[in-house]
Amino acid sequence: MPFVTLRQLPAKVIFNGTIRGHYAHLDQSTVGEVELAAETVVPLHQHPHEQFTYVLEGRFQFTVGDETTILEPGMSALIPSNTLHGGTTLTACRLIDVFTPVREDYRS
């Protein structure tokens, strides 16, 4: 299907429900609209996927490698493969995440 409304796809619940992602998959990438509750802690972690995160709504204190900033609407984080990253939402947030290669663990 070439057209999709991400929010209408089944939610993948992460971190005990404080993160809900609606993901679509191609052969080589995964894209998702992600909702995070305020004060959600995303522990520092890494994975083999490259990740692009774009903030639609909210404020998110975020670390990639050795750098930390507060992401606000219109800002992005570019996360290379196997790089430690994580943070804490300062408000409820809505993001777009893109991963390559595909996140098989995010398939419904």
PDB file of N, CA and C in Angstrom:
ATOM      1  N   MET A   1       0.834  -1.172   0.000  1.00  0.00           N
ATOM      2  CA  MET A   1       0.000   0.000   0.000  1.00  0.00           C
ATOM      3  C   MET A   1       0.883   1.241   0.000  1.00  0.00           C
ATOM      4  N   PRO A   2       0.775   2.109  -1.026  1.00  0.00           N
ATOM      5  CA  PRO A   2       1.679   3.253  -1.128  1.00  0.00           C
ATOM      6  C   PRO A   2       1.292   4.446  -0.259  1.00  0.00           C
ATOM      7  N   PHE A   3       0.071   4.464   0.300  1.00  0.00           N
ATOM      8  CA  PHE A   3      -0.370   5.598   1.119  1.00  0.00           C
ATOM      9  C   PHE A   3      -0.875   5.086   2.456  1.00  0.00           C
ATOM     10  N   VAL A   4      -0.521   5.803   3.514  1.00  0.00           N
ATOM     11  CA  VAL A   4      -0.887   5.343   4.846  1.00  0.00           C
ATOM     12  C   VAL A   4      -1.027   6.550   5.773  1.00  0.00           C
ATOM     13  N   THR A   5      -1.951   6.463   6.701  1.00  0.00           N
ATOM     14  CA  THR A   5      -2.037   7.427   7.805  1.00  0.00           C
ATOM     15  C   THR A   5      -1.459   6.715   9.017  1.00  0.00           C
ATOM     16  N   LEU A   6      -0.267   7.115   9.421  1.00  0.00           N
ATOM     17  CA  LEU A   6       0.456   6.394  10.471  1.00  0.00           C
ATOM     18  C   LEU A   6      -0.372   6.228  11.734  1.00  0.00           C
ATOM     19  N   ARG A   7      -1.045   7.281  12.178  1.00  0.00           N
ATOM     20  CA  ARG A   7      -1.819   7.218  13.428  1.00  0.00           C
ATOM     21  C   ARG A   7      -2.935   6.188  13.390  1.00  0.00           C
ATOM     22  N   GLN A   8      -3.350   5.767  12.195  1.00  0.00           N
ATOM     23  CA  GLN A   8      -4.422   4.785  12.084  1.00  0.00           C
ATOM     24  C   GLN A   8      -3.903   3.351  12.100  1.00  0.00           C
ATOM     25  N   LEU A   9      -2.587   3.176  12.068  1.00  0.00           N
ATOM     26  CA  LEU A   9      -2.006   1.839  12.157  1.00  0.00           C
ATOM     27  C   LEU A   9      -2.018   1.380  13.614  1.00  0.00           C
ATOM     28  N   PRO A  10      -2.038   0.065  13.857  1.00  0.00           N
ATOM     29  CA  PRO A  10      -1.996  -0.424  15.239  1.00  0.00           C
ATOM     30  C   PRO A  10      -0.768   0.108  15.979  1.00  0.00           C
ATOM     31  N   ALA A  11      -0.952   0.428  17.241  1.00  0.00           N
ATOM     32  CA  ALA A  11       0.148   0.975  18.047  1.00  0.00           C
ATOM     33  C   ALA A  11       1.045  -0.132  18.564  1.00  0.00           C
ATOM     34  N   LYS A  12       2.340   0.134  18.548  1.00  0.00           N
ATOM     35  CA  LYS A  12       3.338  -0.708  19.202  1.00  0.00           C
ATOM     36  C   LYS A  12       3.655   0.000  20.514  1.00  0.00           C
ATOM     37  N   VAL A  13       3.391  -0.656  21.637  1.00  0.00           N
ATOM     38  CA  VAL A  13       3.603  -0.060  22.954  1.00  0.00           C
ATOM     39  C   VAL A  13       5.009  -0.395  23.435  1.00  0.00           C
ATOM     40  N   ILE A  14       5.734   0.647  23.853  1.00  0.00           N
ATOM     41  CA  ILE A  14       7.123   0.505  24.284  1.00  0.00           C
ATOM     42  C   ILE A  14       7.255   1.120  25.674  1.00  0.00           C
ATOM     43  N   PHE A  15       8.163   0.615  26.484  1.00  0.00           N
ATOM     44  CA  PHE A  15       8.410   1.126  27.833  1.00  0.00           C
ATOM     45  C   PHE A  15       7.124   1.222  28.648  1.00  0.00           C
ATOM     46  N   ASN A  16       6.413   0.135  28.766  1.00  0.00           N
ATOM     47  CA  ASN A  16       5.222   0.033  29.616  1.00  0.00           C
ATOM     48  C   ASN A  16       4.131   1.042  29.287  1.00  0.00           C
ATOM     49  N   GLY A  17       4.007   1.390  28.023  1.00  0.00           N
ATOM     50  CA  GLY A  17       2.909   2.246  27.602  1.00  0.00           C
ATOM     51  C   GLY A  17       3.194   3.724  27.596  1.00  0.00           C
ATOM     52  N   THR A  18       4.368   4.167  28.043  1.00  0.00           N
ATOM     53  CA  THR A  18       4.682   5.592  28.015  1.00  0.00           C
ATOM     54  C   THR A  18       5.085   6.039  26.611  1.00  0.00           C
ATOM     55  N   ILE A  19       5.355   5.084  25.730  1.00  0.00           N
ATOM     56  CA  ILE A  19       5.664   5.366  24.332  1.00  0.00           C
ATOM     57  C   ILE A  19       4.768   4.499  23.475  1.00  0.00           C
ATOM     58  N   ARG A  20       4.089   5.152  22.505  1.00  0.00           N
ATOM     59  CA  ARG A  20       3.232   4.424  21.565  1.00  0.00           C
ATOM     60  C   ARG A  20       3.634   4.845  20.164  1.00  0.00           C
ATOM     61  N   GLY A  21       4.046   3.865  19.364  1.00  0.00           N
ATOM     62  CA  GLY A  21       4.462   4.157  17.997  1.00  0.00           C
ATOM     63  C   GLY A  21       3.559   3.483  16.987  1.00  0.00           C
ATOM     64  N   HIS A  22       3.298   4.166  15.905  1.00  0.00           N
ATOM     65  CA  HIS A  22       2.496   3.644  14.796  1.00  0.00           C
ATOM     66  C   HIS A  22       3.444   3.561  13.600  1.00  0.00           C
ATOM     67  N   TYR A  23       3.840   2.355  13.208  1.00  0.00           N
ATOM     68  CA  TYR A  23       4.939   2.156  12.272  1.00  0.00           C
ATOM     69  C   TYR A  23       4.495   1.538  10.957  1.00  0.00           C
ATOM     70  N   ALA A  24       5.110   2.022   9.878  1.00  0.00           N
ATOM     71  CA  ALA A  24       4.963   1.435   8.547  1.00  0.00           C
ATOM     72  C   ALA A  24       6.351   0.985   8.100  1.00  0.00           C
ATOM     73  N   HIS A  25       6.380  -0.058   7.286  1.00  0.00           N
ATOM     74  CA  HIS A  25       7.657  -0.670   6.906  1.00  0.00           C
ATOM     75  C   HIS A  25       7.788  -0.817   5.399  1.00  0.00           C
ATOM     76  N   LEU A  26       8.967  -0.506   4.899  1.00  0.00           N
ATOM     77  CA  LEU A  26       9.359  -0.802   3.530  1.00  0.00           C
ATOM     78  C   LEU A  26      10.383  -1.926   3.592  1.00  0.00           C
ATOM     79  N   ASP A  27      10.978  -2.280   2.490  1.00  0.00           N
ATOM     80  CA  ASP A  27      11.979  -3.338   2.506  1.00  0.00           C
ATOM     81  C   ASP A  27      13.230  -2.956   3.289  1.00  0.00           C
ATOM     82  N   GLN A  28      13.603  -1.667   3.267  1.00  0.00           N
ATOM     83  CA  GLN A  28      14.865  -1.242   3.864  1.00  0.00           C
ATOM     84  C   GLN A  28      14.718  -0.241   5.008  1.00  0.00           C
ATOM     85  N   SER A  29      13.490   0.178   5.334  1.00  0.00           N
ATOM     86  CA  SER A  29      13.340   1.195   6.377  1.00  0.00           C
ATOM     87  C   SER A  29      11.997   1.079   7.086  1.00  0.00           C
ATOM     88  N   THR A  30      11.948   1.707   8.243  1.00  0.00           N
ATOM     89  CA  THR A  30      10.739   1.796   9.056  1.00  0.00           C
ATOM     90  C   THR A  30      10.508   3.256   9.381  1.00  0.00           C
ATOM     91  N   VAL A  31       9.253   3.699   9.274  1.00  0.00           N
ATOM     92  CA  VAL A  31       8.888   5.063   9.653  1.00  0.00           C
ATOM     93  C   VAL A  31       7.736   4.987  10.642  1.00  0.00           C
ATOM     94  N   GLY A  32       7.766   5.859  11.642  1.00  0.00           N
ATOM     95  CA  GLY A  32       6.711   5.821  12.644  1.00  0.00           C
ATOM     96  C   GLY A  32       6.363   7.189  13.183  1.00  0.00           C
ATOM     97  N   GLU A  33       5.105   7.325  13.553  1.00  0.00           N
ATOM     98  CA  GLU A  33       4.656   8.481  14.322  1.00  0.00           C
ATOM     99  C   GLU A  33       4.583   8.010  15.766  1.00  0.00           C
ATOM    100  N   VAL A  34       5.297   8.689  16.646  1.00  0.00           N
ATOM    101  CA  VAL A  34       5.511   8.211  18.000  1.00  0.00           C
ATOM    102  C   VAL A  34       4.998   9.239  19.002  1.00  0.00           C
ATOM    103  N   GLU A  35       4.256   8.765  19.996  1.00  0.00           N
ATOM    104  CA  GLU A  35       3.729   9.621  21.052  1.00  0.00           C
ATOM    105  C   GLU A  35       4.382   9.214  22.374  1.00  0.00           C
ATOM    106  N   LEU A  36       4.904  10.197  23.088  1.00  0.00           N
ATOM    107  CA  LEU A  36       5.554   9.948  24.376  1.00  0.00           C
ATOM    108  C   LEU A  36       4.875  10.806  25.435  1.00  0.00           C
ATOM    109  N   ALA A  37       4.570  10.214  26.563  1.00  0.00           N
ATOM    110  CA  ALA A  37       3.996  10.949  27.683  1.00  0.00           C
ATOM    111  C   ALA A  37       5.044  11.893  28.272  1.00  0.00           C
ATOM    112  N   ALA A  38       4.587  12.937  28.946  1.00  0.00           N
ATOM    113  CA  ALA A  38       5.498  13.844  29.648  1.00  0.00           C
ATOM    114  C   ALA A  38       6.289  13.066  30.687  1.00  0.00           C
ATOM    115  N   GLU A  39       7.538  13.455  30.876  1.00  0.00           N
ATOM    116  CA  GLU A  39       8.447  12.867  31.864  1.00  0.00           C
ATOM    117  C   GLU A  39       8.756  11.399  31.579  1.00  0.00           C
ATOM    118  N   THR A  40       8.686  11.015  30.320  1.00  0.00           N
ATOM    119  CA  THR A  40       9.096   9.666  29.938  1.00  0.00           C
ATOM    120  C   THR A  40      10.611   9.619  29.848  1.00  0.00           C
ATOM    121  N   VAL A  41      11.206   8.635  30.503  1.00  0.00           N
ATOM    122  CA  VAL A  41      12.647   8.428  30.421  1.00  0.00           C
ATOM    123  C   VAL A  41      12.909   7.351  29.374  1.00  0.00           C
ATOM    124  N   VAL A  42      13.673   7.718  28.371  1.00  0.00           N
ATOM    125  CA  VAL A  42      14.135   6.756  27.378  1.00  0.00           C
ATOM    126  C   VAL A  42      15.586   6.453  27.749  1.00  0.00           C
ATOM    127  N   PRO A  43      15.846   5.285  28.344  1.00  0.00           N
ATOM    128  CA  PRO A  43      17.201   4.983  28.806  1.00  0.00           C
ATOM    129  C   PRO A  43      18.205   5.035  27.662  1.00  0.00           C
ATOM    130  N   LEU A  44      19.442   5.404  27.987  1.00  0.00           N
ATOM    131  CA  LEU A  44      20.487   5.358  26.972  1.00  0.00           C
ATOM    132  C   LEU A  44      20.554   3.947  26.409  1.00  0.00           C
ATOM    133  N   HIS A  45      20.556   3.847  25.102  1.00  0.00           N
ATOM    134  CA  HIS A  45      20.589   2.551  24.437  1.00  0.00           C
ATOM    135  C   HIS A  45      21.208   2.735  23.053  1.00  0.00           C
ATOM    136  N   GLN A  46      21.466   1.633  22.400  1.00  0.00           N
ATOM    137  CA  GLN A  46      21.985   1.672  21.040  1.00  0.00           C
ATOM    138  C   GLN A  46      21.427   0.490  20.273  1.00  0.00           C
ATOM    139  N   HIS A  47      21.432   0.609  18.967  1.00  0.00           N
ATOM    140  CA  HIS A  47      20.962  -0.466  18.097  1.00  0.00           C
ATOM    141  C   HIS A  47      21.668  -0.324  16.757  1.00  0.00           C
ATOM    142  N   PRO A  48      21.638  -1.365  15.948  1.00  0.00           N
ATOM    143  CA  PRO A  48      22.363  -1.311  14.669  1.00  0.00           C
ATOM    144  C   PRO A  48      21.715  -0.400  13.631  1.00  0.00           C
ATOM    145  N   HIS A  49      20.508   0.061  13.894  1.00  0.00           N
ATOM    146  CA  HIS A  49      19.785   0.897  12.937  1.00  0.00           C
ATOM    147  C   HIS A  49      20.260   2.341  12.992  1.00  0.00           C
ATOM    148  N   GLU A  50      20.369   2.994  11.827  1.00  0.00           N
ATOM    149  CA  GLU A  50      20.476   4.435  11.809  1.00  0.00           C
ATOM    150  C   GLU A  50      19.090   4.968  12.129  1.00  0.00           C
ATOM    151  N   GLN A  51      19.028   6.114  12.816  1.00  0.00           N
ATOM    152  CA  GLN A  51      17.731   6.657  13.217  1.00  0.00           C
ATOM    153  C   GLN A  51      17.711   8.162  12.976  1.00  0.00           C
ATOM    154  N   PHE A  52      16.602   8.623  12.421  1.00  0.00           N
ATOM    155  CA  PHE A  52      16.325  10.044  12.239  1.00  0.00           C
ATOM    156  C   PHE A  52      15.066  10.338  13.036  1.00  0.00           C
ATOM    157  N   THR A  53      15.128  11.274  13.977  1.00  0.00           N
ATOM    158  CA  THR A  53      13.985  11.643  14.799  1.00  0.00           C
ATOM    159  C   THR A  53      13.659  13.109  14.546  1.00  0.00           C
ATOM    160  N   TYR A  54      12.393  13.382  14.221  1.00  0.00           N
ATOM    161  CA  TYR A  54      11.923  14.741  13.944  1.00  0.00           C
ATOM    162  C   TYR A  54      10.804  15.065  14.928  1.00  0.00           C
ATOM    163  N   VAL A  55      10.925  16.190  15.628  1.00  0.00           N
ATOM    164  CA  VAL A  55       9.947  16.572  16.641  1.00  0.00           C
ATOM    165  C   VAL A  55       8.811  17.373  15.994  1.00  0.00           C
ATOM    166  N   LEU A  56       7.589  16.851  16.137  1.00  0.00           N
ATOM    167  CA  LEU A  56       6.393  17.548  15.680  1.00  0.00           C
ATOM    168  C   LEU A  56       5.814  18.426  16.781  1.00  0.00           C
ATOM    169  N   GLU A  57       5.783  17.883  18.006  1.00  0.00           N
ATOM    170  CA  GLU A  57       5.205  18.593  19.152  1.00  0.00           C
ATOM    171  C   GLU A  57       5.995  18.240  20.407  1.00  0.00           C
ATOM    172  N   GLY A  58       6.122  19.204  21.318  1.00  0.00           N
ATOM    173  CA  GLY A  58       6.707  18.941  22.631  1.00  0.00           C
ATOM    174  C   GLY A  58       8.166  19.327  22.741  1.00  0.00           C
ATOM    175  N   ARG A  59       8.716  19.050  23.925  1.00  0.00           N
ATOM    176  CA  ARG A  59      10.125  19.324  24.236  1.00  0.00           C
ATOM    177  C   ARG A  59      10.734  18.065  24.842  1.00  0.00           C
ATOM    178  N   PHE A  60      11.936  17.733  24.392  1.00  0.00           N
ATOM    179  CA  PHE A  60      12.568  16.454  24.723  1.00  0.00           C
ATOM    180  C   PHE A  60      14.053  16.711  24.947  1.00  0.00           C
ATOM    181  N   GLN A  61      14.528  16.543  26.187  1.00  0.00           N
ATOM    182  CA  GLN A  61      15.961  16.631  26.447  1.00  0.00           C
ATOM    183  C   GLN A  61      16.575  15.335  25.945  1.00  0.00           C
ATOM    184  N   PHE A  62      17.495  15.433  25.001  1.00  0.00           N
ATOM    185  CA  PHE A  62      17.943  14.249  24.280  1.00  0.00           C
ATOM    186  C   PHE A  62      19.454  14.243  24.147  1.00  0.00           C
ATOM    187  N   THR A  63      20.038  13.069  24.296  1.00  0.00           N
ATOM    188  CA  THR A  63      21.483  12.879  24.173  1.00  0.00           C
ATOM    189  C   THR A  63      21.770  11.929  23.025  1.00  0.00           C
ATOM    190  N   VAL A  64      22.715  12.303  22.196  1.00  0.00           N
ATOM    191  CA  VAL A  64      23.247  11.431  21.154  1.00  0.00           C
ATOM    192  C   VAL A  64      24.760  11.429  21.328  1.00  0.00           C
ATOM    193  N   GLY A  65      25.313  10.260  21.656  1.00  0.00           N
ATOM    194  CA  GLY A  65      26.754  10.198  21.927  1.00  0.00           C
ATOM    195  C   GLY A  65      27.087  11.064  23.120  1.00  0.00           C
ATOM    196  N   ASP A  66      27.991  12.042  22.922  1.00  0.00           N
ATOM    197  CA  ASP A  66      28.426  12.928  24.003  1.00  0.00           C
ATOM    198  C   ASP A  66      27.715  14.276  24.005  1.00  0.00           C
ATOM    199  N   GLU A  67      26.718  14.446  23.142  1.00  0.00           N
ATOM    200  CA  GLU A  67      26.050  15.742  23.028  1.00  0.00           C
ATOM    201  C   GLU A  67      24.601  15.665  23.500  1.00  0.00           C
ATOM    202  N   THR A  68      24.182  16.693  24.241  1.00  0.00           N
ATOM    203  CA  THR A  68      22.812  16.780  24.754  1.00  0.00           C
ATOM    204  C   THR A  68      22.221  18.132  24.367  1.00  0.00           C
ATOM    205  N   THR A  69      20.949  18.120  23.995  1.00  0.00           N
ATOM    206  CA  THR A  69      20.233  19.351  23.690  1.00  0.00           C
ATOM    207  C   THR A  69      18.766  19.162  24.035  1.00  0.00           C
ATOM    208  N   ILE A  70      18.013  20.242  23.983  1.00  0.00           N
ATOM    209  CA  ILE A  70      16.563  20.151  24.131  1.00  0.00           C
ATOM    210  C   ILE A  70      15.965  20.262  22.738  1.00  0.00           C
ATOM    211  N   LEU A  71      15.353  19.176  22.297  1.00  0.00           N
ATOM    212  CA  LEU A  71      14.687  19.148  21.003  1.00  0.00           C
ATOM    213  C   LEU A  71      13.320  19.799  21.132  1.00  0.00           C
ATOM    214  N   GLU A  72      12.987  20.658  20.176  1.00  0.00           N
ATOM    215  CA  GLU A  72      11.700  21.338  20.123  1.00  0.00           C
ATOM    216  C   GLU A  72      11.118  21.146  18.728  1.00  0.00           C
ATOM    217  N   PRO A  73       9.848  21.511  18.514  1.00  0.00           N
ATOM    218  CA  PRO A  73       9.239  21.303  17.201  1.00  0.00           C
ATOM    219  C   PRO A  73      10.097  21.859  16.063  1.00  0.00           C
ATOM    220  N   GLY A  74      10.259  21.032  15.038  1.00  0.00           N
ATOM    221  CA  GLY A  74      11.066  21.388  13.881  1.00  0.00           C
ATOM    222  C   GLY A  74      12.503  20.926  13.959  1.00  0.00           C
ATOM    223  N   MET A  75      12.939  20.486  15.136  1.00  0.00           N
ATOM    224  CA  MET A  75      14.315  20.011  15.297  1.00  0.00           C
ATOM    225  C   MET A  75      14.389  18.510  15.052  1.00  0.00           C
ATOM    226  N   SER A  76      15.601  18.053  14.701  1.00  0.00           N
ATOM    227  CA  SER A  76      15.840  16.637  14.423  1.00  0.00           C
ATOM    228  C   SER A  76      17.061  16.144  15.176  1.00  0.00           C
ATOM    229  N   ALA A  77      17.086  14.852  15.424  1.00  0.00           N
ATOM    230  CA  ALA A  77      18.276  14.168  15.927  1.00  0.00           C
ATOM    231  C   ALA A  77      18.684  13.153  14.865  1.00  0.00           C
ATOM    232  N   LEU A  78      19.956  13.163  14.505  1.00  0.00           N
ATOM    233  CA  LEU A  78      20.519  12.214  13.549  1.00  0.00           C
ATOM    234  C   LEU A  78      21.391  11.250  14.330  1.00  0.00           C
ATOM    235  N   ILE A  79      20.994   9.994  14.365  1.00  0.00           N
ATOM    236  CA  ILE A  79      21.618   9.011  15.246  1.00  0.00           C
ATOM    237  C   ILE A  79      22.275   7.925  14.403  1.00  0.00           C
ATOM    238  N   PRO A  80      23.611   7.901  14.363  1.00  0.00           N
ATOM    239  CA  PRO A  80      24.297   6.857  13.608  1.00  0.00           C
ATOM    240  C   PRO A  80      24.096   5.469  14.237  1.00  0.00           C
ATOM    241  N   SER A  81      24.301   4.462  13.460  1.00  0.00           N
ATOM    242  CA  SER A  81      24.236   3.078  13.924  1.00  0.00           C
ATOM    243  C   SER A  81      25.126   2.875  15.147  1.00  0.00           C
ATOM    244  N   ASN A  82      24.628   2.130  16.124  1.00  0.00           N
ATOM    245  CA  ASN A  82      25.364   1.735  17.326  1.00  0.00           C
ATOM    246  C   ASN A  82      25.843   2.904  18.192  1.00  0.00           C
ATOM    247  N   THR A  83      25.162   4.043  18.134  1.00  0.00           N
ATOM    248  CA  THR A  83      25.509   5.203  18.956  1.00  0.00           C
ATOM    249  C   THR A  83      24.550   5.280  20.138  1.00  0.00           C
ATOM    250  N   LEU A  84      25.101   5.443  21.349  1.00  0.00           N
ATOM    251  CA  LEU A  84      24.255   5.582  22.535  1.00  0.00           C
ATOM    252  C   LEU A  84      23.390   6.829  22.405  1.00  0.00           C
ATOM    253  N   HIS A  85      22.099   6.690  22.756  1.00  0.00           N
ATOM    254  CA  HIS A  85      21.177   7.817  22.715  1.00  0.00           C
ATOM    255  C   HIS A  85      20.017   7.552  23.664  1.00  0.00           C
ATOM    256  N   GLY A  86      19.385   8.632  24.113  1.00  0.00           N
ATOM    257  CA  GLY A  86      18.242   8.536  25.010  1.00  0.00           C
ATOM    258  C   GLY A  86      17.986   9.887  25.633  1.00  0.00           C
ATOM    259  N   GLY A  87      16.975   9.964  26.496  1.00  0.00           N
ATOM    260  CA  GLY A  87      16.677  11.237  27.126  1.00  0.00           C
ATOM    261  C   GLY A  87      15.398  11.198  27.929  1.00  0.00           C
ATOM    262  N   THR A  88      14.880  12.382  28.229  1.00  0.00           N
ATOM    263  CA  THR A  88      13.670  12.535  29.028  1.00  0.00           C
ATOM    264  C   THR A  88      12.775  13.588  28.378  1.00  0.00           C
ATOM    265  N   THR A  89      11.505  13.248  28.213  1.00  0.00           N
ATOM    266  CA  THR A  89      10.580  14.239  27.673  1.00  0.00           C
ATOM    267  C   THR A  89      10.260  15.270  28.754  1.00  0.00           C
ATOM    268  N   LEU A  90      10.277  16.532  28.386  1.00  0.00           N
ATOM    269  CA  LEU A  90       9.938  17.612  29.310  1.00  0.00           C
ATOM    270  C   LEU A  90       8.442  17.896  29.262  1.00  0.00           C
ATOM    271  N   THR A  91       7.812  17.556  28.145  1.00  0.00           N
ATOM    272  CA  THR A  91       6.365  17.657  27.956  1.00  0.00           C
ATOM    273  C   THR A  91       5.947  16.413  27.169  1.00  0.00           C
ATOM    274  N   ALA A  92       4.667  16.239  26.974  1.00  0.00           N
ATOM    275  CA  ALA A  92       4.229  15.194  26.041  1.00  0.00           C
ATOM    276  C   ALA A  92       4.798  15.546  24.668  1.00  0.00           C
ATOM    277  N   CYS A  93       5.188  14.533  23.907  1.00  0.00           N
ATOM    278  CA  CYS A  93       5.824  14.759  22.613  1.00  0.00           C
ATOM    279  C   CYS A  93       5.193  13.894  21.533  1.00  0.00           C
ATOM    280  N   ARG A  94       5.277  14.402  20.307  1.00  0.00           N
ATOM    281  CA  ARG A  94       4.895  13.628  19.127  1.00  0.00           C
ATOM    282  C   ARG A  94       6.047  13.768  18.145  1.00  0.00           C
ATOM    283  N   LEU A  95       6.555  12.634  17.676  1.00  0.00           N
ATOM    284  CA  LEU A  95       7.751  12.584  16.839  1.00  0.00           C
ATOM    285  C   LEU A  95       7.503  11.763  15.588  1.00  0.00           C
ATOM    286  N   ILE A  96       8.359  11.965  14.607  1.00  0.00           N
ATOM    287  CA  ILE A  96       8.478  11.037  13.488  1.00  0.00           C
ATOM    288  C   ILE A  96       9.838  10.382  13.629  1.00  0.00           C
ATOM    289  N   ASP A  97       9.878   9.056  13.625  1.00  0.00           N
ATOM    290  CA  ASP A  97      11.126   8.297  13.654  1.00  0.00           C
ATOM    291  C   ASP A  97      11.263   7.535  12.346  1.00  0.00           C
ATOM    292  N   VAL A  98      12.481   7.552  11.804  1.00  0.00           N
ATOM    293  CA  VAL A  98      12.800   6.766  10.616  1.00  0.00           C
ATOM    294  C   VAL A  98      14.022   5.925  10.942  1.00  0.00           C
ATOM    295  N   PHE A  99      13.941   4.641  10.658  1.00  0.00           N
ATOM    296  CA  PHE A  99      15.031   3.700  10.916  1.00  0.00           C
ATOM    297  C   PHE A  99      15.435   3.007   9.625  1.00  0.00           C
ATOM    298  N   THR A 100      16.720   2.749   9.499  1.00  0.00           N
ATOM    299  CA  THR A 100      17.210   1.887   8.432  1.00  0.00           C
ATOM    300  C   THR A 100      18.359   1.056   8.989  1.00  0.00           C
ATOM    301  N   PRO A 101      18.422  -0.240   8.773  1.00  0.00           N
ATOM    302  CA  PRO A 101      17.436  -1.030   8.048  1.00  0.00           C
ATOM    303  C   PRO A 101      16.119  -1.139   8.826  1.00  0.00           C
ATOM    304  N   VAL A 102      15.184  -1.858   8.256  1.00  0.00           N
ATOM    305  CA  VAL A 102      13.857  -2.012   8.834  1.00  0.00           C
ATOM    306  C   VAL A 102      13.938  -2.525  10.279  1.00  0.00           C
ATOM    307  N   ARG A 103      13.043  -2.028  11.146  1.00  0.00           N
ATOM    308  CA  ARG A 103      12.947  -2.498  12.534  1.00  0.00           C
ATOM    309  C   ARG A 103      11.976  -3.672  12.576  1.00  0.00           C
ATOM    310  N   GLU A 104      12.492  -4.860  12.434  1.00  0.00           N
ATOM    311  CA  GLU A 104      11.634  -6.053  12.469  1.00  0.00           C
ATOM    312  C   GLU A 104      10.902  -6.170  13.808  1.00  0.00           C
ATOM    313  N   ASP A 105      11.551  -5.711  14.905  1.00  0.00           N
ATOM    314  CA  ASP A 105      10.940  -5.800  16.225  1.00  0.00           C
ATOM    315  C   ASP A 105       9.775  -4.819  16.396  1.00  0.00           C
ATOM    316  N   TYR A 106       9.565  -3.902  15.458  1.00  0.00           N
ATOM    317  CA  TYR A 106       8.467  -2.949  15.535  1.00  0.00           C
ATOM    318  C   TYR A 106       7.296  -3.340  14.640  1.00  0.00           C
ATOM    319  N   ARG A 107       7.387  -4.468  13.988  1.00  0.00           N
ATOM    320  CA  ARG A 107       6.252  -4.935  13.186  1.00  0.00           C
ATOM    321  C   ARG A 107       5.156  -5.390  14.145  1.00  0.00           C
ATOM    322  N   SER A 108       3.902  -5.120  13.787  1.00  0.00           N
ATOM    323  CA  SER A 108       2.775  -5.496  14.663  1.00  0.00           C
ATOM    324  C   SER A 108       2.580  -6.983  14.697  1.00  0.00           C
TER     325      SER A 108
END
